[in-house]
Amino acid sequence: MPINYATGRTYDGPQTLEIEVETRKEDDFGLEEITATFRDQSRHISGRVTALVFPDGIGPAVLTEYDAGRYQAI
């Protein structure tokens, strides 16, 4: 089931990331590590990221990796 994360930004339109989590695992400190795909319709970019999920959730974790350019284009 996809997660829709509204970033509050606007490009060609309001930026919403459609996120699909592929894998989840917990690290030694209890943080969740995910691999997820995302689609950004407003910028016409799709990618795959690996991210640590903090209490603020999956959306911000994926956006952080995307913003930093740490994603594989798909």
PDB file of N, CA and C in Angstrom:
ATOM      1  N   MET A   1       0.842  -1.173   0.000  1.00  0.00           N
ATOM      2  CA  MET A   1       0.000   0.000   0.000  1.00  0.00           C
ATOM      3  C   MET A   1       0.893   1.244   0.000  1.00  0.00           C
ATOM      4  N   PRO A   2       0.728   2.127  -0.995  1.00  0.00           N
ATOM      5  CA  PRO A   2       1.591   3.303  -1.067  1.00  0.00           C
ATOM      6  C   PRO A   2       1.304   4.318   0.033  1.00  0.00           C
ATOM      7  N   ILE A   3       2.352   5.030   0.373  1.00  0.00           N
ATOM      8  CA  ILE A   3       2.271   6.144   1.321  1.00  0.00           C
ATOM      9  C   ILE A   3       2.363   7.411   0.482  1.00  0.00           C
ATOM     10  N   ASN A   4       1.462   8.341   0.651  1.00  0.00           N
ATOM     11  CA  ASN A   4       1.530   9.634  -0.023  1.00  0.00           C
ATOM     12  C   ASN A   4       1.991  10.669   0.988  1.00  0.00           C
ATOM     13  N   TYR A   5       3.147  11.270   0.713  1.00  0.00           N
ATOM     14  CA  TYR A   5       3.736  12.234   1.635  1.00  0.00           C
ATOM     15  C   TYR A   5       3.788  13.609   0.959  1.00  0.00           C
ATOM     16  N   ALA A   6       2.981  14.540   1.450  1.00  0.00           N
ATOM     17  CA  ALA A   6       2.978  15.920   0.941  1.00  0.00           C
ATOM     18  C   ALA A   6       4.120  16.678   1.609  1.00  0.00           C
ATOM     19  N   THR A   7       5.036  17.211   0.789  1.00  0.00           N
ATOM     20  CA  THR A   7       6.223  17.878   1.320  1.00  0.00           C
ATOM     21  C   THR A   7       5.986  19.344   1.675  1.00  0.00           C
ATOM     22  N   GLY A   8       4.905  19.928   1.137  1.00  0.00           N
ATOM     23  CA  GLY A   8       4.662  21.345   1.359  1.00  0.00           C
ATOM     24  C   GLY A   8       5.363  22.226   0.336  1.00  0.00           C
ATOM     25  N   ARG A   9       6.063  21.609  -0.620  1.00  0.00           N
ATOM     26  CA  ARG A   9       6.756  22.351  -1.673  1.00  0.00           C
ATOM     27  C   ARG A   9       5.909  22.357  -2.940  1.00  0.00           C
ATOM     28  N   THR A  10       6.200  23.322  -3.823  1.00  0.00           N
ATOM     29  CA  THR A  10       5.498  23.385  -5.104  1.00  0.00           C
ATOM     30  C   THR A  10       6.526  23.529  -6.221  1.00  0.00           C
ATOM     31  N   TYR A  11       6.422  22.681  -7.225  1.00  0.00           N
ATOM     32  CA  TYR A  11       7.256  22.761  -8.433  1.00  0.00           C
ATOM     33  C   TYR A  11       6.294  22.961  -9.604  1.00  0.00           C
ATOM     34  N   ASP A  12       6.083  21.949 -10.443  1.00  0.00           N
ATOM     35  CA  ASP A  12       5.060  22.059 -11.488  1.00  0.00           C
ATOM     36  C   ASP A  12       3.665  22.002 -10.861  1.00  0.00           C
ATOM     37  N   GLY A  13       3.604  21.567  -9.638  1.00  0.00           N
ATOM     38  CA  GLY A  13       2.387  21.459  -8.841  1.00  0.00           C
ATOM     39  C   GLY A  13       2.827  21.120  -7.433  1.00  0.00           C
ATOM     40  N   PRO A  14       1.893  20.938  -6.517  1.00  0.00           N
ATOM     41  CA  PRO A  14       2.267  20.553  -5.154  1.00  0.00           C
ATOM     42  C   PRO A  14       3.056  19.242  -5.168  1.00  0.00           C
ATOM     43  N   GLN A  15       4.154  19.221  -4.426  1.00  0.00           N
ATOM     44  CA  GLN A  15       4.999  18.019  -4.394  1.00  0.00           C
ATOM     45  C   GLN A  15       4.457  17.014  -3.390  1.00  0.00           C
ATOM     46  N   THR A  16       4.107  15.855  -3.904  1.00  0.00           N
ATOM     47  CA  THR A  16       3.705  14.730  -3.069  1.00  0.00           C
ATOM     48  C   THR A  16       4.517  13.527  -3.523  1.00  0.00           C
ATOM     49  N   LEU A  17       5.179  12.867  -2.585  1.00  0.00           N
ATOM     50  CA  LEU A  17       5.926  11.661  -2.912  1.00  0.00           C
ATOM     51  C   LEU A  17       5.027  10.459  -2.702  1.00  0.00           C
ATOM     52  N   GLU A  18       4.936   9.611  -3.713  1.00  0.00           N
ATOM     53  CA  GLU A  18       4.239   8.331  -3.578  1.00  0.00           C
ATOM     54  C   GLU A  18       5.311   7.304  -3.257  1.00  0.00           C
ATOM     55  N   ILE A  19       5.244   6.723  -2.066  1.00  0.00           N
ATOM     56  CA  ILE A  19       6.309   5.858  -1.542  1.00  0.00           C
ATOM     57  C   ILE A  19       5.796   4.434  -1.368  1.00  0.00           C
ATOM     58  N   GLU A  20       6.590   3.472  -1.829  1.00  0.00           N
ATOM     59  CA  GLU A  20       6.313   2.048  -1.616  1.00  0.00           C
ATOM     60  C   GLU A  20       7.509   1.453  -0.877  1.00  0.00           C
ATOM     61  N   VAL A  21       7.293   0.923   0.313  1.00  0.00           N
ATOM     62  CA  VAL A  21       8.363   0.300   1.080  1.00  0.00           C
ATOM     63  C   VAL A  21       8.580  -1.113   0.546  1.00  0.00           C
ATOM     64  N   GLU A  22       9.834  -1.413   0.179  1.00  0.00           N
ATOM     65  CA  GLU A  22      10.184  -2.735  -0.346  1.00  0.00           C
ATOM     66  C   GLU A  22      10.660  -3.664   0.758  1.00  0.00           C
ATOM     67  N   THR A  23      11.554  -3.162   1.612  1.00  0.00           N
ATOM     68  CA  THR A  23      12.072  -3.978   2.714  1.00  0.00           C
ATOM     69  C   THR A  23      12.140  -3.133   3.981  1.00  0.00           C
ATOM     70  N   ARG A  24      12.017  -3.831   5.115  1.00  0.00           N
ATOM     71  CA  ARG A  24      12.137  -3.198   6.435  1.00  0.00           C
ATOM     72  C   ARG A  24      12.975  -4.113   7.324  1.00  0.00           C
ATOM     73  N   LYS A  25      13.855  -3.503   8.108  1.00  0.00           N
ATOM     74  CA  LYS A  25      14.563  -4.258   9.138  1.00  0.00           C
ATOM     75  C   LYS A  25      14.943  -3.306  10.261  1.00  0.00           C
ATOM     76  N   GLU A  26      15.078  -3.849  11.429  1.00  0.00           N
ATOM     77  CA  GLU A  26      15.416  -3.048  12.596  1.00  0.00           C
ATOM     78  C   GLU A  26      16.908  -3.181  12.867  1.00  0.00           C
ATOM     79  N   ASP A  27      17.569  -2.047  13.157  1.00  0.00           N
ATOM     80  CA  ASP A  27      18.992  -2.119  13.480  1.00  0.00           C
ATOM     81  C   ASP A  27      19.184  -2.411  14.967  1.00  0.00           C
ATOM     82  N   ASP A  28      20.437  -2.446  15.406  1.00  0.00           N
ATOM     83  CA  ASP A  28      20.762  -2.786  16.794  1.00  0.00           C
ATOM     84  C   ASP A  28      20.252  -1.757  17.805  1.00  0.00           C
ATOM     85  N   PHE A  29      19.921  -0.561  17.344  1.00  0.00           N
ATOM     86  CA  PHE A  29      19.468   0.500  18.237  1.00  0.00           C
ATOM     87  C   PHE A  29      17.950   0.666  18.220  1.00  0.00           C
ATOM     88  N   GLY A  30      17.260  -0.211  17.496  1.00  0.00           N
ATOM     89  CA  GLY A  30      15.807  -0.158  17.444  1.00  0.00           C
ATOM     90  C   GLY A  30      15.248   0.748  16.371  1.00  0.00           C
ATOM     91  N   LEU A  31      16.135   1.328  15.541  1.00  0.00           N
ATOM     92  CA  LEU A  31      15.663   2.154  14.429  1.00  0.00           C
ATOM     93  C   LEU A  31      15.339   1.259  13.244  1.00  0.00           C
ATOM     94  N   GLU A  32      14.365   1.662  12.468  1.00  0.00           N
ATOM     95  CA  GLU A  32      13.969   0.893  11.304  1.00  0.00           C
ATOM     96  C   GLU A  32      14.742   1.384  10.083  1.00  0.00           C
ATOM     97  N   GLU A  33      15.320   0.438   9.349  1.00  0.00           N
ATOM     98  CA  GLU A  33      15.974   0.758   8.083  1.00  0.00           C
ATOM     99  C   GLU A  33      15.085   0.236   6.964  1.00  0.00           C
ATOM    100  N   ILE A  34      14.816   1.075   5.981  1.00  0.00           N
ATOM    101  CA  ILE A  34      13.942   0.675   4.882  1.00  0.00           C
ATOM    102  C   ILE A  34      14.644   0.847   3.543  1.00  0.00           C
ATOM    103  N   THR A  35      14.199   0.082   2.580  1.00  0.00           N
ATOM    104  CA  THR A  35      14.480   0.348   1.177  1.00  0.00           C
ATOM    105  C   THR A  35      13.114   0.628   0.571  1.00  0.00           C
ATOM    106  N   ALA A  36      13.010   1.737  -0.138  1.00  0.00           N
ATOM    107  CA  ALA A  36      11.721   2.154  -0.674  1.00  0.00           C
ATOM    108  C   ALA A  36      11.891   2.785  -2.047  1.00  0.00           C
ATOM    109  N   THR A  37      10.842   2.684  -2.849  1.00  0.00           N
ATOM    110  CA  THR A  37      10.798   3.415  -4.106  1.00  0.00           C
ATOM    111  C   THR A  37       9.889   4.622  -3.908  1.00  0.00           C
ATOM    112  N   PHE A  38      10.146   5.659  -4.690  1.00  0.00           N
ATOM    113  CA  PHE A  38       9.299   6.850  -4.612  1.00  0.00           C
ATOM    114  C   PHE A  38       9.064   7.380  -6.017  1.00  0.00           C
ATOM    115  N   ARG A  39       7.962   8.102  -6.151  1.00  0.00           N
ATOM    116  CA  ARG A  39       7.653   8.804  -7.394  1.00  0.00           C
ATOM    117  C   ARG A  39       7.250  10.221  -7.026  1.00  0.00           C
ATOM    118  N   ASP A  40       7.923  11.182  -7.650  1.00  0.00           N
ATOM    119  CA  ASP A  40       7.631  12.596  -7.451  1.00  0.00           C
ATOM    120  C   ASP A  40       7.005  13.099  -8.752  1.00  0.00           C
ATOM    121  N   GLN A  41       5.681  13.173  -8.789  1.00  0.00           N
ATOM    122  CA  GLN A  41       4.973  13.597 -10.001  1.00  0.00           C
ATOM    123  C   GLN A  41       5.267  15.058 -10.355  1.00  0.00           C
ATOM    124  N   SER A  42       5.488  15.907  -9.368  1.00  0.00           N
ATOM    125  CA  SER A  42       5.682  17.330  -9.639  1.00  0.00           C
ATOM    126  C   SER A  42       7.009  17.601 -10.344  1.00  0.00           C
ATOM    127  N   ARG A  43       7.998  16.736 -10.128  1.00  0.00           N
ATOM    128  CA  ARG A  43       9.310  16.931 -10.770  1.00  0.00           C
ATOM    129  C   ARG A  43       9.630  15.818 -11.764  1.00  0.00           C
ATOM    130  N   HIS A  44       8.709  14.856 -11.897  1.00  0.00           N
ATOM    131  CA  HIS A  44       8.869  13.760 -12.865  1.00  0.00           C
ATOM    132  C   HIS A  44      10.138  12.953 -12.593  1.00  0.00           C
ATOM    133  N   ILE A  45      10.330  12.600 -11.318  1.00  0.00           N
ATOM    134  CA  ILE A  45      11.492  11.820 -10.883  1.00  0.00           C
ATOM    135  C   ILE A  45      11.003  10.615 -10.094  1.00  0.00           C
ATOM    136  N   SER A  46      11.621   9.453 -10.364  1.00  0.00           N
ATOM    137  CA  SER A  46      11.351   8.237  -9.590  1.00  0.00           C
ATOM    138  C   SER A  46      12.687   7.675  -9.137  1.00  0.00           C
ATOM    139  N   GLY A  47      12.693   7.055  -7.966  1.00  0.00           N
ATOM    140  CA  GLY A  47      13.948   6.512  -7.476  1.00  0.00           C
ATOM    141  C   GLY A  47      13.758   5.481  -6.374  1.00  0.00           C
ATOM    142  N   ARG A  48      14.887   4.950  -5.938  1.00  0.00           N
ATOM    143  CA  ARG A  48      14.931   3.971  -4.840  1.00  0.00           C
ATOM    144  C   ARG A  48      15.936   4.490  -3.816  1.00  0.00           C
ATOM    145  N   VAL A  49      15.564   4.453  -2.544  1.00  0.00           N
ATOM    146  CA  VAL A  49      16.440   4.900  -1.460  1.00  0.00           C
ATOM    147  C   VAL A  49      16.518   3.842  -0.367  1.00  0.00           C
ATOM    148  N   THR A  50      17.582   3.922   0.401  1.00  0.00           N
ATOM    149  CA  THR A  50      17.697   3.191   1.660  1.00  0.00           C
ATOM    150  C   THR A  50      17.812   4.263   2.735  1.00  0.00           C
ATOM    151  N   ALA A  51      16.989   4.159   3.769  1.00  0.00           N
ATOM    152  CA  ALA A  51      16.934   5.228   4.767  1.00  0.00           C
ATOM    153  C   ALA A  51      16.664   4.676   6.156  1.00  0.00           C
ATOM    154  N   LEU A  52      17.162   5.387   7.161  1.00  0.00           N
ATOM    155  CA  LEU A  52      16.798   5.114   8.548  1.00  0.00           C
ATOM    156  C   LEU A  52      15.558   5.925   8.871  1.00  0.00           C
ATOM    157  N   VAL A  53      14.590   5.290   9.501  1.00  0.00           N
ATOM    158  CA  VAL A  53      13.335   5.951   9.836  1.00  0.00           C
ATOM    159  C   VAL A  53      13.373   6.379  11.299  1.00  0.00           C
ATOM    160  N   PHE A  54      13.270   7.673  11.516  1.00  0.00           N
ATOM    161  CA  PHE A  54      13.224   8.237  12.857  1.00  0.00           C
ATOM    162  C   PHE A  54      11.762   8.455  13.234  1.00  0.00           C
ATOM    163  N   PRO A  55      11.473   8.906  14.443  1.00  0.00           N
ATOM    164  CA  PRO A  55      10.082   9.050  14.880  1.00  0.00           C
ATOM    165  C   PRO A  55       9.200   9.926  13.990  1.00  0.00           C
ATOM    166  N   ASP A  56       9.802  10.813  13.172  1.00  0.00           N
ATOM    167  CA  ASP A  56       8.962  11.661  12.317  1.00  0.00           C
ATOM    168  C   ASP A  56       8.404  10.920  11.105  1.00  0.00           C
ATOM    169  N   GLY A  57       8.852   9.684  10.850  1.00  0.00           N
ATOM    170  CA  GLY A  57       8.196   8.844   9.862  1.00  0.00           C
ATOM    171  C   GLY A  57       8.950   8.562   8.580  1.00  0.00           C
ATOM    172  N   ILE A  58       8.320   7.740   7.751  1.00  0.00           N
ATOM    173  CA  ILE A  58       8.907   7.271   6.497  1.00  0.00           C
ATOM    174  C   ILE A  58       9.020   8.403   5.482  1.00  0.00           C
ATOM    175  N   GLY A  59       8.000   9.228   5.356  1.00  0.00           N
ATOM    176  CA  GLY A  59       8.030  10.323   4.378  1.00  0.00           C
ATOM    177  C   GLY A  59       9.243  11.223   4.544  1.00  0.00           C
ATOM    178  N   PRO A  60       9.472  11.771   5.730  1.00  0.00           N
ATOM    179  CA  PRO A  60      10.646  12.614   5.920  1.00  0.00           C
ATOM    180  C   PRO A  60      11.965  11.867   5.694  1.00  0.00           C
ATOM    181  N   ALA A  61      12.012  10.581   6.032  1.00  0.00           N
ATOM    182  CA  ALA A  61      13.237   9.796   5.824  1.00  0.00           C
ATOM    183  C   ALA A  61      13.551   9.676   4.336  1.00  0.00           C
ATOM    184  N   VAL A  62      12.532   9.374   3.537  1.00  0.00           N
ATOM    185  CA  VAL A  62      12.722   9.258   2.092  1.00  0.00           C
ATOM    186  C   VAL A  62      13.077  10.626   1.495  1.00  0.00           C
ATOM    187  N   LEU A  63      12.396  11.672   1.910  1.00  0.00           N
ATOM    188  CA  LEU A  63      12.668  13.013   1.393  1.00  0.00           C
ATOM    189  C   LEU A  63      14.101  13.452   1.700  1.00  0.00           C
ATOM    190  N   THR A  64      14.605  13.141   2.881  1.00  0.00           N
ATOM    191  CA  THR A  64      15.977  13.501   3.250  1.00  0.00           C
ATOM    192  C   THR A  64      16.979  12.880   2.291  1.00  0.00           C
ATOM    193  N   GLU A  65      16.804  11.597   1.985  1.00  0.00           N
ATOM    194  CA  GLU A  65      17.718  10.913   1.065  1.00  0.00           C
ATOM    195  C   GLU A  65      17.584  11.467  -0.350  1.00  0.00           C
ATOM    196  N   TYR A  66      16.370  11.713  -0.773  1.00  0.00           N
ATOM    197  CA  TYR A  66      16.084  12.278  -2.097  1.00  0.00           C
ATOM    198  C   TYR A  66      16.726  13.660  -2.230  1.00  0.00           C
ATOM    199  N   ASP A  67      16.516  14.528  -1.248  1.00  0.00           N
ATOM    200  CA  ASP A  67      17.093  15.878  -1.266  1.00  0.00           C
ATOM    201  C   ASP A  67      18.617  15.841  -1.357  1.00  0.00           C
ATOM    202  N   ALA A  68      19.230  14.861  -0.686  1.00  0.00           N
ATOM    203  CA  ALA A  68      20.691  14.752  -0.665  1.00  0.00           C
ATOM    204  C   ALA A  68      21.238  14.087  -1.927  1.00  0.00           C
ATOM    205  N   GLY A  69      20.346  13.626  -2.788  1.00  0.00           N
ATOM    206  CA  GLY A  69      20.798  12.960  -4.019  1.00  0.00           C
ATOM    207  C   GLY A  69      21.216  11.521  -3.807  1.00  0.00           C
ATOM    208  N   ARG A  70      20.871  10.968  -2.642  1.00  0.00           N
ATOM    209  CA  ARG A  70      21.241   9.574  -2.336  1.00  0.00           C
ATOM    210  C   ARG A  70      20.108   8.625  -2.744  1.00  0.00           C
ATOM    211  N   TYR A  71      19.877   8.566  -4.046  1.00  0.00           N
ATOM    212  CA  TYR A  71      18.856   7.662  -4.568  1.00  0.00           C
ATOM    213  C   TYR A  71      19.302   7.116  -5.902  1.00  0.00           C
ATOM    214  N   GLN A  72      18.772   5.967  -6.241  1.00  0.00           N
ATOM    215  CA  GLN A  72      19.027   5.354  -7.539  1.00  0.00           C
ATOM    216  C   GLN A  72      17.831   5.689  -8.418  1.00  0.00           C
ATOM    217  N   ALA A  73      18.073   6.306  -9.550  1.00  0.00           N
ATOM    218  CA  ALA A  73      16.980   6.636 -10.469  1.00  0.00           C
ATOM    219  C   ALA A  73      16.396   5.345 -11.049  1.00  0.00           C
ATOM    220  N   ILE A  74      15.068   5.296 -11.128  1.00  0.00           N
ATOM    221  CA  ILE A  74      14.416   4.131 -11.739  1.00  0.00           C
ATOM    222  C   ILE A  74      13.386   4.597 -12.754  1.00  0.00           C
TER     223      ILE A  74
END
